[in-house]
Amino acid sequence: MILIRHGKWKLIENEENMQKNDRGIATTGIIGAIAVVALLLAAAALYHNFGSGSENVKFDTPYQAVLLTNGSVYFGKLEGYGTKSPVLRDVYYVQSGTDPETKQVKNILVHRGKELHAPDKMYLNPTHIILVEPVGTNSKVADLIAQEKSKQQ
């Protein structure tokens, strides 16, 4: 039994009563098949564009700024951005502190790895990355990273 609406709903008990074109093919079946194929093609296109997680974005600058959903900003060399498992290496972050004498807030750039567990990289959850921006080679952050690297040598 099939319900078809041609102005009114009517019950068709077998395929012999369905409207057929001049070749004897039921037009309802053709429309349904086309709709299914179109849906499958759309799903495949969406998976290819958004779901494969295999696009690896390359950056023109050595360091990138990564803003996470918790508000943290890290600076480092981002690898695998656009994939399911991005990694940030040579990581820095800004730490704020107040000078007790002058009461001025001072921001310093801290190289990640000096913590007790001495991490050498950060594995990021791509769903928690809000944005990524290049750190300009002539920026204050790039200058501070260069200063920190010269102290390490």
Protein backbone atom coordinates (compact mmCIF):
# COMPACT_ATOMS: atom_id res chain seq x y z
CA MET A 1 0.00 0.00 0.00
CA ILE A 2 1.28 3.44 -0.95
CA LEU A 3 -0.10 6.89 -0.12
CA ILE A 4 0.20 9.51 -2.86
CA ARG A 5 -1.17 13.01 -2.78
CA HIS A 6 -2.71 14.36 -6.02
CA GLY A 7 -4.91 17.08 -4.62
CA LYS A 8 -6.26 14.51 -2.17
CA TRP A 9 -4.69 11.60 -0.37
CA LYS A 10 -5.56 8.29 -1.85
CA LEU A 11 -4.56 4.78 -1.11
CA ILE A 12 -3.00 2.74 -3.91
CA GLU A 13 -2.97 -0.96 -3.25
CA ASN A 14 -0.49 -2.07 -5.86
CA GLU A 15 2.01 -0.70 -8.35
CA GLU A 16 -0.35 -1.27 -11.29
CA ASN A 17 -2.46 1.69 -10.16
CA MET A 18 0.55 4.09 -9.92
CA GLN A 19 0.91 6.72 -12.62
CA LYS A 20 3.45 5.67 -15.21
CA ASN A 21 5.15 7.61 -17.96
CA ASP A 22 5.02 6.54 -21.62
CA ARG A 23 7.85 4.00 -21.06
CA GLY A 24 5.98 2.28 -18.27
CA ILE A 25 8.18 3.55 -15.41
CA ALA A 26 6.54 4.87 -12.25
CA THR A 27 7.38 8.59 -11.93
CA THR A 28 7.20 8.46 -8.13
CA GLY A 29 10.00 5.88 -8.07
CA ILE A 30 12.22 7.99 -10.32
CA ILE A 31 11.75 11.09 -8.16
CA GLY A 32 12.53 9.09 -5.02
CA ALA A 33 15.68 7.59 -6.54
CA ILE A 34 16.91 11.02 -7.64
CA ALA A 35 16.28 12.42 -4.15
CA VAL A 36 18.26 9.56 -2.53
CA VAL A 37 21.20 10.01 -4.92
CA ALA A 38 21.20 13.79 -4.31
CA LEU A 39 21.26 13.26 -0.53
CA LEU A 40 24.14 10.78 -0.79
CA LEU A 41 26.15 13.19 -2.97
CA ALA A 42 25.51 16.05 -0.54
CA ALA A 43 26.60 13.90 2.43
CA ALA A 44 29.77 12.84 0.61
CA ALA A 45 30.59 16.47 -0.23
CA LEU A 46 30.09 17.57 3.39
CA TYR A 47 32.28 14.74 4.68
CA HIS A 48 35.00 15.58 2.20
CA ASN A 49 34.98 19.30 3.07
CA PHE A 50 34.47 19.15 6.84
CA GLY A 51 34.71 15.66 8.23
CA SER A 52 37.87 14.11 6.88
CA GLY A 53 40.19 16.11 9.17
CA SER A 54 43.12 15.66 6.80
CA GLU A 55 43.77 19.25 5.70
CA ASN A 56 47.08 20.48 7.08
CA VAL A 57 47.33 24.29 7.03
CA LYS A 58 50.80 25.73 6.50
CA PHE A 59 51.86 29.10 7.95
CA ASP A 60 54.23 31.72 6.53
CA THR A 61 55.66 32.73 9.92
CA PRO A 62 57.67 30.58 12.36
CA TYR A 63 55.27 31.18 15.30
CA GLN A 64 51.51 31.32 15.64
CA ALA A 65 49.19 32.68 18.35
CA VAL A 66 46.52 30.13 19.35
CA LEU A 67 43.42 31.27 21.26
CA LEU A 68 41.58 28.48 23.09
CA THR A 69 37.97 28.35 24.30
CA ASN A 70 39.09 28.78 27.92
CA GLY A 71 40.60 32.19 27.05
CA SER A 72 44.22 31.03 27.13
CA VAL A 73 46.58 32.25 24.44
CA TYR A 74 49.68 30.28 23.55
CA PHE A 75 52.43 31.17 21.10
CA GLY A 76 54.36 28.44 19.35
CA LYS A 77 55.02 26.45 16.22
CA LEU A 78 51.67 24.92 15.25
CA GLU A 79 51.75 21.66 13.31
CA GLY A 80 48.78 19.77 11.95
CA TYR A 81 46.30 22.64 12.15
CA GLY A 82 43.15 21.58 10.30
CA THR A 83 43.65 17.94 11.26
CA LYS A 84 42.20 15.95 14.14
CA SER A 85 45.42 16.21 16.19
CA PRO A 86 47.18 19.60 16.05
CA VAL A 87 50.41 19.97 18.06
CA LEU A 88 51.98 23.16 19.38
CA ARG A 89 55.76 23.02 19.87
CA ASP A 90 58.22 25.51 21.37
CA VAL A 91 55.33 26.97 23.39
CA TYR A 92 55.24 30.35 25.15
CA TYR A 93 52.53 32.11 27.13
CA VAL A 94 52.12 35.49 28.82
CA GLN A 95 52.19 35.59 32.60
CA SER A 96 51.03 38.73 34.40
CA GLY A 97 52.40 39.83 37.74
CA THR A 98 52.14 42.94 39.91
CA ASP A 99 55.27 44.69 41.11
CA PRO A 100 54.75 45.06 44.90
CA GLU A 101 56.65 48.35 45.05
CA THR A 102 55.19 50.18 42.05
CA LYS A 103 51.84 48.31 41.90
CA GLN A 104 52.27 48.15 38.11
CA VAL A 105 51.18 45.06 36.23
CA LYS A 106 54.04 43.52 34.33
CA ASN A 107 53.61 40.92 31.58
CA ILE A 108 56.38 38.47 30.87
CA LEU A 109 56.65 35.82 28.20
CA VAL A 110 57.25 32.39 29.73
CA HIS A 111 58.66 29.44 27.80
CA ARG A 112 56.55 26.38 28.51
CA GLY A 113 58.67 23.50 29.72
CA LYS A 114 59.91 25.04 32.92
CA GLU A 115 56.94 23.54 34.78
CA LEU A 116 57.45 20.53 37.04
CA HIS A 117 56.44 18.04 34.34
CA ALA A 118 58.69 19.74 31.71
CA PRO A 119 56.39 19.50 28.67
CA ASP A 120 58.04 19.84 25.27
CA LYS A 121 54.79 20.15 23.27
CA MET A 122 51.02 20.58 23.62
CA TYR A 123 48.53 18.27 21.96
CA LEU A 124 45.49 20.42 21.25
CA ASN A 125 41.85 19.43 20.93
CA PRO A 126 40.86 21.05 17.61
CA THR A 127 37.34 21.76 18.86
CA HIS A 128 38.80 24.06 21.54
CA ILE A 129 40.76 26.25 19.12
CA ILE A 130 38.89 29.50 18.51
CA LEU A 131 41.40 31.10 16.19
CA VAL A 132 44.98 30.97 15.02
CA GLU A 133 46.96 34.02 13.92
CA PRO A 134 50.50 34.32 12.63
CA VAL A 135 52.99 36.05 14.93
CA GLY A 136 54.63 38.72 12.79
CA THR A 137 58.41 38.42 12.53
CA ASN A 138 58.78 42.08 13.60
CA SER A 139 56.22 41.88 16.44
CA LYS A 140 56.89 42.38 20.14
CA VAL A 141 56.12 38.68 20.78
CA ALA A 142 58.66 37.59 18.13
CA ASP A 143 61.25 39.91 19.71
CA LEU A 144 60.60 38.47 23.18
CA ILE A 145 60.87 34.91 21.88
CA ALA A 146 64.19 35.77 20.22
CA GLN A 147 65.46 37.28 23.49
CA GLU A 148 64.41 34.18 25.42
CA LYS A 149 66.15 31.91 22.91
CA SER A 150 69.38 33.93 23.15
CA LYS A 151 69.32 33.48 26.95
CA GLN A 152 69.04 29.69 26.54
CA GLN A 153 72.17 29.42 24.40
